Protein backbone atom coordinates (compact mmCIF):
# COMPACT_ATOMS: atom_id res chain seq x y z
CA UNK A 1 0.00 0.00 0.00
CA UNK A 2 1.53 3.35 -1.01
CA UNK A 3 2.17 6.03 1.59
CA UNK A 4 -0.76 8.22 0.52
CA UNK A 5 -3.24 5.36 0.95
CA UNK A 6 -1.78 4.52 4.36
CA UNK A 7 -2.17 8.15 5.38
CA UNK A 8 -5.76 8.24 4.15
CA UNK A 9 -6.51 5.05 6.08
CA UNK A 10 -4.98 6.51 9.24
CA UNK A 11 -7.03 9.70 8.81
CA UNK A 12 -10.19 7.61 8.37
CA UNK A 13 -9.57 5.63 11.55
CA UNK A 14 -8.71 8.80 13.47
CA UNK A 15 -11.88 10.46 12.17
CA UNK A 16 -13.93 7.48 13.40
CA UNK A 17 -12.46 7.89 16.87
CA UNK A 18 -13.12 11.63 16.87
CA UNK A 19 -16.71 11.30 15.59
CA UNK A 20 -17.43 8.56 18.11
CA UNK A 21 -16.01 10.65 20.96
CA UNK A 22 -18.05 13.65 19.81
CA UNK A 23 -21.20 11.51 19.68
CA UNK A 24 -20.60 10.18 23.20
CA UNK A 25 -19.91 13.60 24.72
CA UNK A 26 -22.09 16.00 22.73
CA UNK A 27 -24.74 13.82 21.13
CA UNK A 28 -25.18 12.46 17.65
CA UNK A 29 -24.57 14.59 14.59
CA UNK A 30 -25.85 13.22 11.32
CA UNK A 31 -23.56 15.46 9.28
CA UNK A 32 -20.45 14.18 11.04
CA UNK A 33 -21.43 10.58 10.43
CA UNK A 34 -22.31 11.37 6.82
CA UNK A 35 -18.91 13.00 6.31
CA UNK A 36 -17.21 9.98 7.86
CA UNK A 37 -19.09 7.58 5.56
CA UNK A 38 -17.99 9.66 2.55
CA UNK A 39 -14.40 9.48 3.85
CA UNK A 40 -14.69 5.69 4.21
CA UNK A 41 -15.95 5.41 0.63
CA UNK A 42 -13.06 7.53 -0.63
CA UNK A 43 -10.60 5.39 1.33
CA UNK A 44 -12.13 2.18 0.01
CA UNK A 45 -11.90 3.54 -3.52
CA UNK A 46 -8.24 4.48 -3.06
CA UNK A 47 -7.39 1.06 -1.62
CA UNK A 48 -9.22 -0.71 -4.45
CA UNK A 49 -7.58 1.44 -7.10
CA UNK A 50 -4.07 0.92 -5.70
CA UNK A 51 -4.44 -2.88 -5.58
CA UNK A 52 -4.88 -3.19 -9.35
PDB file of N, CA and C in Angstrom:
ATOM      1  N   UNK A   1       0.846  -1.174   0.000  1.00  0.00           N
ATOM      2  CA  UNK A   1       0.000   0.000   0.000  1.00  0.00           C
ATOM      3  C   UNK A   1       0.896   1.243   0.000  1.00  0.00           C
ATOM      4  N   UNK A   2       0.710   2.128  -0.967  1.00  0.00           N
ATOM      5  CA  UNK A   2       1.528   3.348  -1.015  1.00  0.00           C
ATOM      6  C   UNK A   2       1.298   4.246   0.205  1.00  0.00           C
ATOM      7  N   UNK A   3       2.228   5.165   0.425  1.00  0.00           N
ATOM      8  CA  UNK A   3       2.166   6.035   1.594  1.00  0.00           C
ATOM      9  C   UNK A   3       0.912   6.878   1.657  1.00  0.00           C
ATOM     10  N   UNK A   4       0.437   7.359   0.505  1.00  0.00           N
ATOM     11  CA  UNK A   4      -0.755   8.215   0.519  1.00  0.00           C
ATOM     12  C   UNK A   4      -2.001   7.441   0.949  1.00  0.00           C
ATOM     13  N   UNK A   5      -2.087   6.183   0.559  1.00  0.00           N
ATOM     14  CA  UNK A   5      -3.237   5.361   0.951  1.00  0.00           C
ATOM     15  C   UNK A   5      -3.151   5.020   2.433  1.00  0.00           C
ATOM     16  N   UNK A   6      -1.952   4.777   2.929  1.00  0.00           N
ATOM     17  CA  UNK A   6      -1.782   4.515   4.361  1.00  0.00           C
ATOM     18  C   UNK A   6      -2.177   5.743   5.173  1.00  0.00           C
ATOM     19  N   UNK A   7      -1.803   6.910   4.697  1.00  0.00           N
ATOM     20  CA  UNK A   7      -2.166   8.152   5.384  1.00  0.00           C
ATOM     21  C   UNK A   7      -3.677   8.342   5.379  1.00  0.00           C
ATOM     22  N   UNK A   8      -4.313   8.103   4.242  1.00  0.00           N
ATOM     23  CA  UNK A   8      -5.765   8.241   4.147  1.00  0.00           C
ATOM     24  C   UNK A   8      -6.462   7.252   5.075  1.00  0.00           C
ATOM     25  N   UNK A   9      -5.947   6.047   5.176  1.00  0.00           N
ATOM     26  CA  UNK A   9      -6.514   5.049   6.081  1.00  0.00           C
ATOM     27  C   UNK A   9      -6.364   5.491   7.533  1.00  0.00           C
ATOM     28  N   UNK A  10      -5.205   6.021   7.874  1.00  0.00           N
ATOM     29  CA  UNK A  10      -4.983   6.509   9.241  1.00  0.00           C
ATOM     30  C   UNK A  10      -5.916   7.679   9.563  1.00  0.00           C
ATOM     31  N   UNK A  11      -6.113   8.570   8.614  1.00  0.00           N
ATOM     32  CA  UNK A  11      -7.035   9.698   8.812  1.00  0.00           C
ATOM     33  C   UNK A  11      -8.457   9.192   9.008  1.00  0.00           C
ATOM     34  N   UNK A  12      -8.846   8.172   8.250  1.00  0.00           N
ATOM     35  CA  UNK A  12     -10.195   7.615   8.366  1.00  0.00           C
ATOM     36  C   UNK A  12     -10.416   6.998   9.746  1.00  0.00           C
ATOM     37  N   UNK A  13      -9.445   6.247  10.225  1.00  0.00           N
ATOM     38  CA  UNK A  13      -9.567   5.629  11.552  1.00  0.00           C
ATOM     39  C   UNK A  13      -9.594   6.702  12.637  1.00  0.00           C
ATOM     40  N   UNK A  14      -8.730   7.703  12.505  1.00  0.00           N
ATOM     41  CA  UNK A  14      -8.714   8.801  13.467  1.00  0.00           C
ATOM     42  C   UNK A  14     -10.038   9.551  13.462  1.00  0.00           C
ATOM     43  N   UNK A  15     -10.589   9.770  12.280  1.00  0.00           N
ATOM     44  CA  UNK A  15     -11.878  10.458  12.175  1.00  0.00           C
ATOM     45  C   UNK A  15     -12.986   9.649  12.846  1.00  0.00           C
ATOM     46  N   UNK A  16     -12.936   8.324  12.720  1.00  0.00           N
ATOM     47  CA  UNK A  16     -13.926   7.480  13.399  1.00  0.00           C
ATOM     48  C   UNK A  16     -13.844   7.669  14.902  1.00  0.00           C
ATOM     49  N   UNK A  17     -12.636   7.702  15.429  1.00  0.00           N
ATOM     50  CA  UNK A  17     -12.459   7.886  16.867  1.00  0.00           C
ATOM     51  C   UNK A  17     -12.987   9.250  17.302  1.00  0.00           C
ATOM     52  N   UNK A  18     -12.678  10.282  16.532  1.00  0.00           N
ATOM     53  CA  UNK A  18     -13.125  11.634  16.869  1.00  0.00           C
ATOM     54  C   UNK A  18     -14.646  11.756  16.792  1.00  0.00           C
ATOM     55  N   UNK A  19     -15.246  11.222  15.734  1.00  0.00           N
ATOM     56  CA  UNK A  19     -16.706  11.303  15.588  1.00  0.00           C
ATOM     57  C   UNK A  19     -17.397  10.514  16.688  1.00  0.00           C
ATOM     58  N   UNK A  20     -16.853   9.351  17.027  1.00  0.00           N
ATOM     59  CA  UNK A  20     -17.433   8.558  18.111  1.00  0.00           C
ATOM     60  C   UNK A  20     -17.328   9.292  19.441  1.00  0.00           C
ATOM     61  N   UNK A  21     -16.180   9.888  19.716  1.00  0.00           N
ATOM     62  CA  UNK A  21     -16.013  10.649  20.955  1.00  0.00           C
ATOM     63  C   UNK A  21     -16.962  11.841  20.996  1.00  0.00           C
ATOM     64  N   UNK A  22     -17.126  12.516  19.879  1.00  0.00           N
ATOM     65  CA  UNK A  22     -18.054  13.647  19.813  1.00  0.00           C
ATOM     66  C   UNK A  22     -19.478  13.173  20.090  1.00  0.00           C
ATOM     67  N   UNK A  23     -19.852  12.042  19.488  1.00  0.00           N
ATOM     68  CA  UNK A  23     -21.203  11.510  19.679  1.00  0.00           C
ATOM     69  C   UNK A  23     -21.439  11.147  21.143  1.00  0.00           C
ATOM     70  N   UNK A  24     -20.451  10.571  21.796  1.00  0.00           N
ATOM     71  CA  UNK A  24     -20.601  10.179  23.196  1.00  0.00           C
ATOM     72  C   UNK A  24     -20.723  11.406  24.096  1.00  0.00           C
ATOM     73  N   UNK A  25     -19.928  12.435  23.829  1.00  0.00           N
ATOM     74  CA  UNK A  25     -19.914  13.597  24.719  1.00  0.00           C
ATOM     75  C   UNK A  25     -20.985  14.634  24.396  1.00  0.00           C
ATOM     76  N   UNK A  26     -21.209  14.900  23.121  1.00  0.00           N
ATOM     77  CA  UNK A  26     -22.091  16.000  22.730  1.00  0.00           C
ATOM     78  C   UNK A  26     -23.424  15.547  22.146  1.00  0.00           C
ATOM     79  N   UNK A  27     -23.535  14.303  21.771  1.00  0.00           N
ATOM     80  CA  UNK A  27     -24.745  13.818  21.127  1.00  0.00           C
ATOM     81  C   UNK A  27     -24.489  13.585  19.648  1.00  0.00           C
ATOM     82  N   UNK A  28     -25.376  12.862  19.043  1.00  0.00           N
ATOM     83  CA  UNK A  28     -25.184  12.464  17.654  1.00  0.00           C
ATOM     84  C   UNK A  28     -25.315  13.640  16.700  1.00  0.00           C
ATOM     85  N   UNK A  29     -24.504  13.603  15.661  1.00  0.00           N
ATOM     86  CA  UNK A  29     -24.569  14.594  14.590  1.00  0.00           C
ATOM     87  C   UNK A  29     -24.585  13.841  13.264  1.00  0.00           C
ATOM     88  N   UNK A  30     -25.703  13.916  12.597  1.00  0.00           N
ATOM     89  CA  UNK A  30     -25.849  13.216  11.319  1.00  0.00           C
ATOM     90  C   UNK A  30     -24.842  13.656  10.281  1.00  0.00           C
ATOM     91  N   UNK A  31     -24.518  14.947  10.263  1.00  0.00           N
ATOM     92  CA  UNK A  31     -23.561  15.463   9.284  1.00  0.00           C
ATOM     93  C   UNK A  31     -22.164  14.908   9.505  1.00  0.00           C
ATOM     94  N   UNK A  32     -21.769  14.757  10.766  1.00  0.00           N
ATOM     95  CA  UNK A  32     -20.451  14.177  11.040  1.00  0.00           C
ATOM     96  C   UNK A  32     -20.380  12.731  10.576  1.00  0.00           C
ATOM     97  N   UNK A  33     -21.419  11.967  10.858  1.00  0.00           N
ATOM     98  CA  UNK A  33     -21.430  10.576  10.428  1.00  0.00           C
ATOM     99  C   UNK A  33     -21.493  10.474   8.909  1.00  0.00           C
ATOM    100  N   UNK A  34     -22.251  11.354   8.281  1.00  0.00           N
ATOM    101  CA  UNK A  34     -22.314  11.370   6.816  1.00  0.00           C
ATOM    102  C   UNK A  34     -20.935  11.657   6.230  1.00  0.00           C
ATOM    103  N   UNK A  35     -20.246  12.653   6.785  1.00  0.00           N
ATOM    104  CA  UNK A  35     -18.908  12.995   6.309  1.00  0.00           C
ATOM    105  C   UNK A  35     -17.945  11.822   6.507  1.00  0.00           C
ATOM    106  N   UNK A  36     -18.077  11.115   7.624  1.00  0.00           N
ATOM    107  CA  UNK A  36     -17.207   9.977   7.864  1.00  0.00           C
ATOM    108  C   UNK A  36     -17.474   8.859   6.860  1.00  0.00           C
ATOM    109  N   UNK A  37     -18.746   8.617   6.547  1.00  0.00           N
ATOM    110  CA  UNK A  37     -19.091   7.581   5.558  1.00  0.00           C
ATOM    111  C   UNK A  37     -18.512   7.949   4.193  1.00  0.00           C
ATOM    112  N   UNK A  38     -18.577   9.223   3.816  1.00  0.00           N
ATOM    113  CA  UNK A  38     -17.987   9.664   2.554  1.00  0.00           C
ATOM    114  C   UNK A  38     -16.472   9.431   2.579  1.00  0.00           C
ATOM    115  N   UNK A  39     -15.835   9.721   3.705  1.00  0.00           N
ATOM    116  CA  UNK A  39     -14.397   9.482   3.846  1.00  0.00           C
ATOM    117  C   UNK A  39     -14.067   7.995   3.730  1.00  0.00           C
ATOM    118  N   UNK A  40     -14.894   7.144   4.316  1.00  0.00           N
ATOM    119  CA  UNK A  40     -14.688   5.693   4.207  1.00  0.00           C
ATOM    120  C   UNK A  40     -14.801   5.249   2.755  1.00  0.00           C
ATOM    121  N   UNK A  41     -15.781   5.778   2.045  1.00  0.00           N
ATOM    122  CA  UNK A  41     -15.950   5.408   0.633  1.00  0.00           C
ATOM    123  C   UNK A  41     -14.748   5.858  -0.201  1.00  0.00           C
ATOM    124  N   UNK A  42     -14.242   7.052   0.082  1.00  0.00           N
ATOM    125  CA  UNK A  42     -13.057   7.527  -0.631  1.00  0.00           C
ATOM    126  C   UNK A  42     -11.846   6.657  -0.318  1.00  0.00           C
ATOM    127  N   UNK A  43     -11.706   6.260   0.936  1.00  0.00           N
ATOM    128  CA  UNK A  43     -10.598   5.388   1.331  1.00  0.00           C
ATOM    129  C   UNK A  43     -10.719   4.027   0.660  1.00  0.00           C
ATOM    130  N   UNK A  44     -11.914   3.473   0.655  1.00  0.00           N
ATOM    131  CA  UNK A  44     -12.127   2.176   0.011  1.00  0.00           C
ATOM    132  C   UNK A  44     -11.822   2.263  -1.482  1.00  0.00           C
ATOM    133  N   UNK A  45     -12.210   3.344  -2.104  1.00  0.00           N
ATOM    134  CA  UNK A  45     -11.902   3.543  -3.521  1.00  0.00           C
ATOM    135  C   UNK A  45     -10.409   3.636  -3.777  1.00  0.00           C
ATOM    136  N   UNK A  46      -9.701   4.353  -2.914  1.00  0.00           N
ATOM    137  CA  UNK A  46      -8.244   4.481  -3.057  1.00  0.00           C
ATOM    138  C   UNK A  46      -7.551   3.139  -2.868  1.00  0.00           C
ATOM    139  N   UNK A  47      -7.997   2.390  -1.869  1.00  0.00           N
ATOM    140  CA  UNK A  47      -7.395   1.062  -1.622  1.00  0.00           C
ATOM    141  C   UNK A  47      -7.648   0.139  -2.802  1.00  0.00           C
ATOM    142  N   UNK A  48      -8.861   0.138  -3.316  1.00  0.00           N
ATOM    143  CA  UNK A  48      -9.217  -0.712  -4.447  1.00  0.00           C
ATOM    144  C   UNK A  48      -8.427  -0.331  -5.690  1.00  0.00           C
ATOM    145  N   UNK A  49      -8.298   0.958  -5.920  1.00  0.00           N
ATOM    146  CA  UNK A  49      -7.579   1.442  -7.100  1.00  0.00           C
ATOM    147  C   UNK A  49      -6.095   1.082  -7.036  1.00  0.00           C
ATOM    148  N   UNK A  50      -5.495   1.194  -5.848  1.00  0.00           N
ATOM    149  CA  UNK A  50      -4.073   0.922  -5.704  1.00  0.00           C
ATOM    150  C   UNK A  50      -3.736  -0.568  -5.763  1.00  0.00           C
ATOM    151  N   UNK A  51      -4.708  -1.428  -5.542  1.00  0.00           N
ATOM    152  CA  UNK A  51      -4.437  -2.878  -5.578  1.00  0.00           C
ATOM    153  C   UNK A  51      -4.290  -3.383  -7.003  1.00  0.00           C
ATOM    154  N   UNK A  52      -4.912  -2.712  -7.951  1.00  0.00           N
ATOM    155  CA  UNK A  52      -4.879  -3.190  -9.351  1.00  0.00           C
ATOM    156  C   UNK A  52      -3.652  -2.746 -10.080  1.00  0.00           C
TER     157      UNK A  52
END
